[in-house]
PDB file of N, CA and C in Angstrom:
ATOM      1  N   MET A   1     139.641  73.244  34.304  1.00  0.00           N
ATOM      2  CA  MET A   1     138.417  73.738  34.905  1.00  0.00           C
ATOM      3  C   MET A   1     137.268  73.450  33.955  1.00  0.00           C
ATOM      4  N   HIS A   2     136.081  73.357  34.533  1.00  0.00           N
ATOM      5  CA  HIS A   2     134.906  73.156  33.706  1.00  0.00           C
ATOM      6  C   HIS A   2     133.662  73.718  34.403  1.00  0.00           C
ATOM      7  N   PHE A   3     132.667  74.046  33.615  1.00  0.00           N
ATOM      8  CA  PHE A   3     131.373  74.492  34.109  1.00  0.00           C
ATOM      9  C   PHE A   3     130.380  73.347  34.026  1.00  0.00           C
ATOM     10  N   LYS A   4     129.385  73.395  34.878  1.00  0.00           N
ATOM     11  CA  LYS A   4     128.293  72.430  34.847  1.00  0.00           C
ATOM     12  C   LYS A   4     126.990  73.196  35.057  1.00  0.00           C
ATOM     13  N   THR A   5     125.963  72.886  34.285  1.00  0.00           N
ATOM     14  CA  THR A   5     124.634  73.436  34.530  1.00  0.00           C
ATOM     15  C   THR A   5     123.799  72.358  35.206  1.00  0.00           C
ATOM     16  N   TYR A   6     122.900  72.791  36.082  1.00  0.00           N
ATOM     17  CA  TYR A   6     122.057  71.835  36.809  1.00  0.00           C
ATOM     18  C   TYR A   6     120.801  72.534  37.303  1.00  0.00           C
ATOM     19  N   LYS A   7     119.790  71.731  37.628  1.00  0.00           N
ATOM     20  CA  LYS A   7     118.569  72.260  38.231  1.00  0.00           C
ATOM     21  C   LYS A   7     118.710  72.199  39.749  1.00  0.00           C
ATOM     22  N   ASP A   8     118.285  73.287  40.415  1.00  0.00           N
ATOM     23  CA  ASP A   8     118.362  73.328  41.869  1.00  0.00           C
ATOM     24  C   ASP A   8     117.109  72.697  42.491  1.00  0.00           C
ATOM     25  N   GLN A   9     116.955  72.850  43.797  1.00  0.00           N
ATOM     26  CA  GLN A   9     115.858  72.210  44.524  1.00  0.00           C
ATOM     27  C   GLN A   9     114.478  72.698  44.109  1.00  0.00           C
ATOM     28  N   ILE A  10     114.398  73.910  43.566  1.00  0.00           N
ATOM     29  CA  ILE A  10     113.090  74.427  43.152  1.00  0.00           C
ATOM     30  C   ILE A  10     112.889  74.354  41.642  1.00  0.00           C
ATOM     31  N   GLY A  11     113.777  73.631  40.957  1.00  0.00           N
ATOM     32  CA  GLY A  11     113.614  73.408  39.525  1.00  0.00           C
ATOM     33  C   GLY A  11     114.129  74.515  38.629  1.00  0.00           C
ATOM     34  N   ARG A  12     114.913  75.425  39.182  1.00  0.00           N
ATOM     35  CA  ARG A  12     115.510  76.495  38.379  1.00  0.00           C
ATOM     36  C   ARG A  12     116.935  76.110  38.012  1.00  0.00           C
ATOM     37  N   TRP A  13     117.411  76.641  36.881  1.00  0.00           N
ATOM     38  CA  TRP A  13     118.757  76.318  36.390  1.00  0.00           C
ATOM     39  C   TRP A  13     119.809  77.179  37.059  1.00  0.00           C
ATOM     40  N   ARG A  14     120.957  76.600  37.315  1.00  0.00           N
ATOM     41  CA  ARG A  14     122.133  77.273  37.859  1.00  0.00           C
ATOM     42  C   ARG A  14     123.357  76.749  37.141  1.00  0.00           C
ATOM     43  N   TRP A  15     124.486  77.402  37.347  1.00  0.00           N
ATOM     44  CA  TRP A  15     125.758  76.875  36.857  1.00  0.00           C
ATOM     45  C   TRP A  15     126.730  76.820  38.018  1.00  0.00           C
ATOM     46  N   ALA A  16     127.717  75.960  37.889  1.00  0.00           N
ATOM     47  CA  ALA A  16     128.800  75.861  38.862  1.00  0.00           C
ATOM     48  C   ALA A  16     130.109  75.728  38.097  1.00  0.00           C
ATOM     49  N   LEU A  17     131.166  76.279  38.673  1.00  0.00           N
ATOM     50  CA  LEU A  17     132.508  76.187  38.100  1.00  0.00           C
ATOM     51  C   LEU A  17     133.338  75.279  38.994  1.00  0.00           C
ATOM     52  N   PHE A  18     134.008  74.306  38.371  1.00  0.00           N
ATOM     53  CA  PHE A  18     134.838  73.349  39.095  1.00  0.00           C
ATOM     54  C   PHE A  18     136.291  73.517  38.679  1.00  0.00           C
ATOM     55  N   GLY A  19     137.194  73.360  39.636  1.00  0.00           N
ATOM     56  CA  GLY A  19     138.622  73.458  39.371  1.00  0.00           C
ATOM     57  C   GLY A  19     139.163  72.161  38.780  1.00  0.00           C
ATOM     58  N   ALA A  20     140.458  72.162  38.501  1.00  0.00           N
ATOM     59  CA  ALA A  20     141.115  70.991  37.922  1.00  0.00           C
ATOM     60  C   ALA A  20     141.009  69.766  38.828  1.00  0.00           C
ATOM     61  N   ASP A  21     140.843  69.996  40.126  1.00  0.00           N
ATOM     62  CA  ASP A  21     140.705  68.894  41.083  1.00  0.00           C
ATOM     63  C   ASP A  21     139.246  68.468  41.285  1.00  0.00           C
ATOM     64  N   ASN A  22     138.357  68.999  40.440  1.00  0.00           N
ATOM     65  CA  ASN A  22     136.918  68.705  40.480  1.00  0.00           C
ATOM     66  C   ASN A  22     136.214  69.236  41.720  1.00  0.00           C
ATOM     67  N   ARG A  23     136.828  70.183  42.408  1.00  0.00           N
ATOM     68  CA  ARG A  23     136.175  70.823  43.554  1.00  0.00           C
ATOM     69  C   ARG A  23     135.451  72.070  43.061  1.00  0.00           C
ATOM     70  N   GLN A  24     134.265  72.285  43.572  1.00  0.00           N
ATOM     71  CA  GLN A  24     133.464  73.445  43.178  1.00  0.00           C
ATOM     72  C   GLN A  24     134.113  74.710  43.718  1.00  0.00           C
ATOM     73  N   ILE A  25     134.302  75.705  42.812  1.00  0.00           N
ATOM     74  CA  ILE A  25     134.938  76.947  43.253  1.00  0.00           C
ATOM     75  C   ILE A  25     134.049  78.171  43.078  1.00  0.00           C
ATOM     76  N   ALA A  26     132.948  78.031  42.328  1.00  0.00           N
ATOM     77  CA  ALA A  26     132.014  79.150  42.156  1.00  0.00           C
ATOM     78  C   ALA A  26     130.660  78.614  41.724  1.00  0.00           C
ATOM     79  N   VAL A  27     129.609  79.353  42.089  1.00  0.00           N
ATOM     80  CA  VAL A  27     128.255  79.018  41.644  1.00  0.00           C
ATOM     81  C   VAL A  27     127.570  80.293  41.177  1.00  0.00           C
ATOM     82  N   SER A  28     126.552  80.130  40.367  1.00  0.00           N
ATOM     83  CA  SER A  28     125.815  81.302  39.901  1.00  0.00           C
ATOM     84  C   SER A  28     125.116  81.970  41.083  1.00  0.00           C
ATOM     85  N   GLY A  29     125.120  83.270  41.075  1.00  0.00           N
ATOM     86  CA  GLY A  29     124.469  84.031  42.131  1.00  0.00           C
ATOM     87  C   GLY A  29     122.989  84.224  41.891  1.00  0.00           C
ATOM     88  N   GLU A  30     122.522  83.749  40.781  1.00  0.00           N
ATOM     89  CA  GLU A  30     121.107  83.846  40.443  1.00  0.00           C
ATOM     90  C   GLU A  30     120.655  82.548  39.790  1.00  0.00           C
ATOM     91  N   THR A  31     119.352  82.377  39.698  1.00  0.00           N
ATOM     92  CA  THR A  31     118.801  81.210  39.026  1.00  0.00           C
ATOM     93  C   THR A  31     118.251  81.628  37.667  1.00  0.00           C
ATOM     94  N   PHE A  32     118.061  80.649  36.805  1.00  0.00           N
ATOM     95  CA  PHE A  32     117.613  80.912  35.443  1.00  0.00           C
ATOM     96  C   PHE A  32     116.406  80.033  35.118  1.00  0.00           C
ATOM     97  N   ARG A  33     115.525  80.549  34.268  1.00  0.00           N
ATOM     98  CA  ARG A  33     114.318  79.809  33.902  1.00  0.00           C
ATOM     99  C   ARG A  33     114.612  78.601  33.030  1.00  0.00           C
ATOM    100  N   ASN A  34     115.648  78.707  32.189  1.00  0.00           N
ATOM    101  CA  ASN A  34     115.967  77.590  31.299  1.00  0.00           C
ATOM    102  C   ASN A  34     117.481  77.420  31.188  1.00  0.00           C
ATOM    103  N   GLN A  35     117.882  76.286  30.669  1.00  0.00           N
ATOM    104  CA  GLN A  35     119.299  75.947  30.585  1.00  0.00           C
ATOM    105  C   GLN A  35     120.057  76.907  29.673  1.00  0.00           C
ATOM    106  N   ALA A  36     119.419  77.338  28.595  1.00  0.00           N
ATOM    107  CA  ALA A  36     120.083  78.260  27.668  1.00  0.00           C
ATOM    108  C   ALA A  36     120.458  79.565  28.372  1.00  0.00           C
ATOM    109  N   ASP A  37     119.611  80.043  29.265  1.00  0.00           N
ATOM    110  CA  ASP A  37     119.933  81.264  30.009  1.00  0.00           C
ATOM    111  C   ASP A  37     121.097  81.037  30.969  1.00  0.00           C
ATOM    112  N   ALA A  38     121.156  79.852  31.589  1.00  0.00           N
ATOM    113  CA  ALA A  38     122.291  79.529  32.456  1.00  0.00           C
ATOM    114  C   ALA A  38     123.580  79.482  31.639  1.00  0.00           C
ATOM    115  N   GLU A  39     123.508  78.939  30.434  1.00  0.00           N
ATOM    116  CA  GLU A  39     124.682  78.892  29.567  1.00  0.00           C
ATOM    117  C   GLU A  39     125.101  80.293  29.131  1.00  0.00           C
ATOM    118  N   GLN A  40     124.148  81.186  28.968  1.00  0.00           N
ATOM    119  CA  GLN A  40     124.483  82.581  28.655  1.00  0.00           C
ATOM    120  C   GLN A  40     125.199  83.221  29.846  1.00  0.00           C
ATOM    121  N   GLY A  41     124.783  82.872  31.058  1.00  0.00           N
ATOM    122  CA  GLY A  41     125.474  83.351  32.259  1.00  0.00           C
ATOM    123  C   GLY A  41     126.921  82.883  32.289  1.00  0.00           C
ATOM    124  N   ILE A  42     127.149  81.648  31.884  1.00  0.00           N
ATOM    125  CA  ILE A  42     128.515  81.126  31.793  1.00  0.00           C
ATOM    126  C   ILE A  42     129.320  81.942  30.785  1.00  0.00           C
ATOM    127  N   ALA A  43     128.713  82.248  29.644  1.00  0.00           N
ATOM    128  CA  ALA A  43     129.397  83.036  28.613  1.00  0.00           C
ATOM    129  C   ALA A  43     129.788  84.411  29.151  1.00  0.00           C
ATOM    130  N   LEU A  44     128.922  85.011  29.957  1.00  0.00           N
ATOM    131  CA  LEU A  44     129.237  86.316  30.545  1.00  0.00           C
ATOM    132  C   LEU A  44     130.421  86.219  31.498  1.00  0.00           C
ATOM    133  N   VAL A  45     130.468  85.172  32.297  1.00  0.00           N
ATOM    134  CA  VAL A  45     131.597  84.983  33.219  1.00  0.00           C
ATOM    135  C   VAL A  45     132.883  84.796  32.427  1.00  0.00           C
ATOM    136  N   ARG A  46     132.824  83.991  31.392  1.00  0.00           N
ATOM    137  CA  ARG A  46     134.024  83.758  30.575  1.00  0.00           C
ATOM    138  C   ARG A  46     134.526  85.047  29.931  1.00  0.00           C
ATOM    139  N   SER A  47     133.621  85.922  29.536  1.00  0.00           N
ATOM    140  CA  SER A  47     134.022  87.158  28.857  1.00  0.00           C
ATOM    141  C   SER A  47     134.557  88.210  29.825  1.00  0.00           C
ATOM    142  N   ALA A  48     134.455  87.966  31.117  1.00  0.00           N
ATOM    143  CA  ALA A  48     134.865  88.960  32.110  1.00  0.00           C
ATOM    144  C   ALA A  48     136.334  88.846  32.497  1.00  0.00           C
ATOM    145  N   HIS A  49     137.114  88.085  31.760  1.00  0.00           N
ATOM    146  CA  HIS A  49     138.512  87.877  32.141  1.00  0.00           C
ATOM    147  C   HIS A  49     139.344  89.159  32.138  1.00  0.00           C
ATOM    148  N   GLU A  50     138.890  90.194  31.473  1.00  0.00           N
ATOM    149  CA  GLU A  50     139.617  91.462  31.476  1.00  0.00           C
ATOM    150  C   GLU A  50     139.029  92.483  32.437  1.00  0.00           C
ATOM    151  N   ALA A  51     138.038  92.082  33.238  1.00  0.00           N
ATOM    152  CA  ALA A  51     137.424  93.013  34.185  1.00  0.00           C
ATOM    153  C   ALA A  51     138.439  93.397  35.262  1.00  0.00           C
ATOM    154  N   PRO A  52     138.455  94.656  35.653  1.00  0.00           N
ATOM    155  CA  PRO A  52     139.406  95.083  36.676  1.00  0.00           C
ATOM    156  C   PRO A  52     139.056  94.487  38.042  1.00  0.00           C
ATOM    157  N   VAL A  53     140.064  94.327  38.875  1.00  0.00           N
ATOM    158  CA  VAL A  53     139.881  93.880  40.246  1.00  0.00           C
ATOM    159  C   VAL A  53     139.924  95.122  41.120  1.00  0.00           C
ATOM    160  N   ARG A  54     138.883  95.326  41.898  1.00  0.00           N
ATOM    161  CA  ARG A  54     138.824  96.509  42.778  1.00  0.00           C
ATOM    162  C   ARG A  54     138.864  96.068  44.228  1.00  0.00           C
ATOM    163  N   ALA A  55     139.594  96.802  45.030  1.00  0.00           N
ATOM    164  CA  ALA A  55     139.711  96.478  46.457  1.00  0.00           C
ATOM    165  C   ALA A  55     138.735  97.329  47.256  1.00  0.00           C
TER     166      ALA A  55
END
């Protein structure tokens, strides 16, 4: 899996997560003013691996 940062249609930064087959499986739910902030969003997602799953 890998993450990618990119600018959207209005020039704001987003991130996307791709699976091993290179298919997109998640995108950021918000936009960011700069690439560094999008990368911080990626870091937050990565750190959430121990978050509980609630039904």
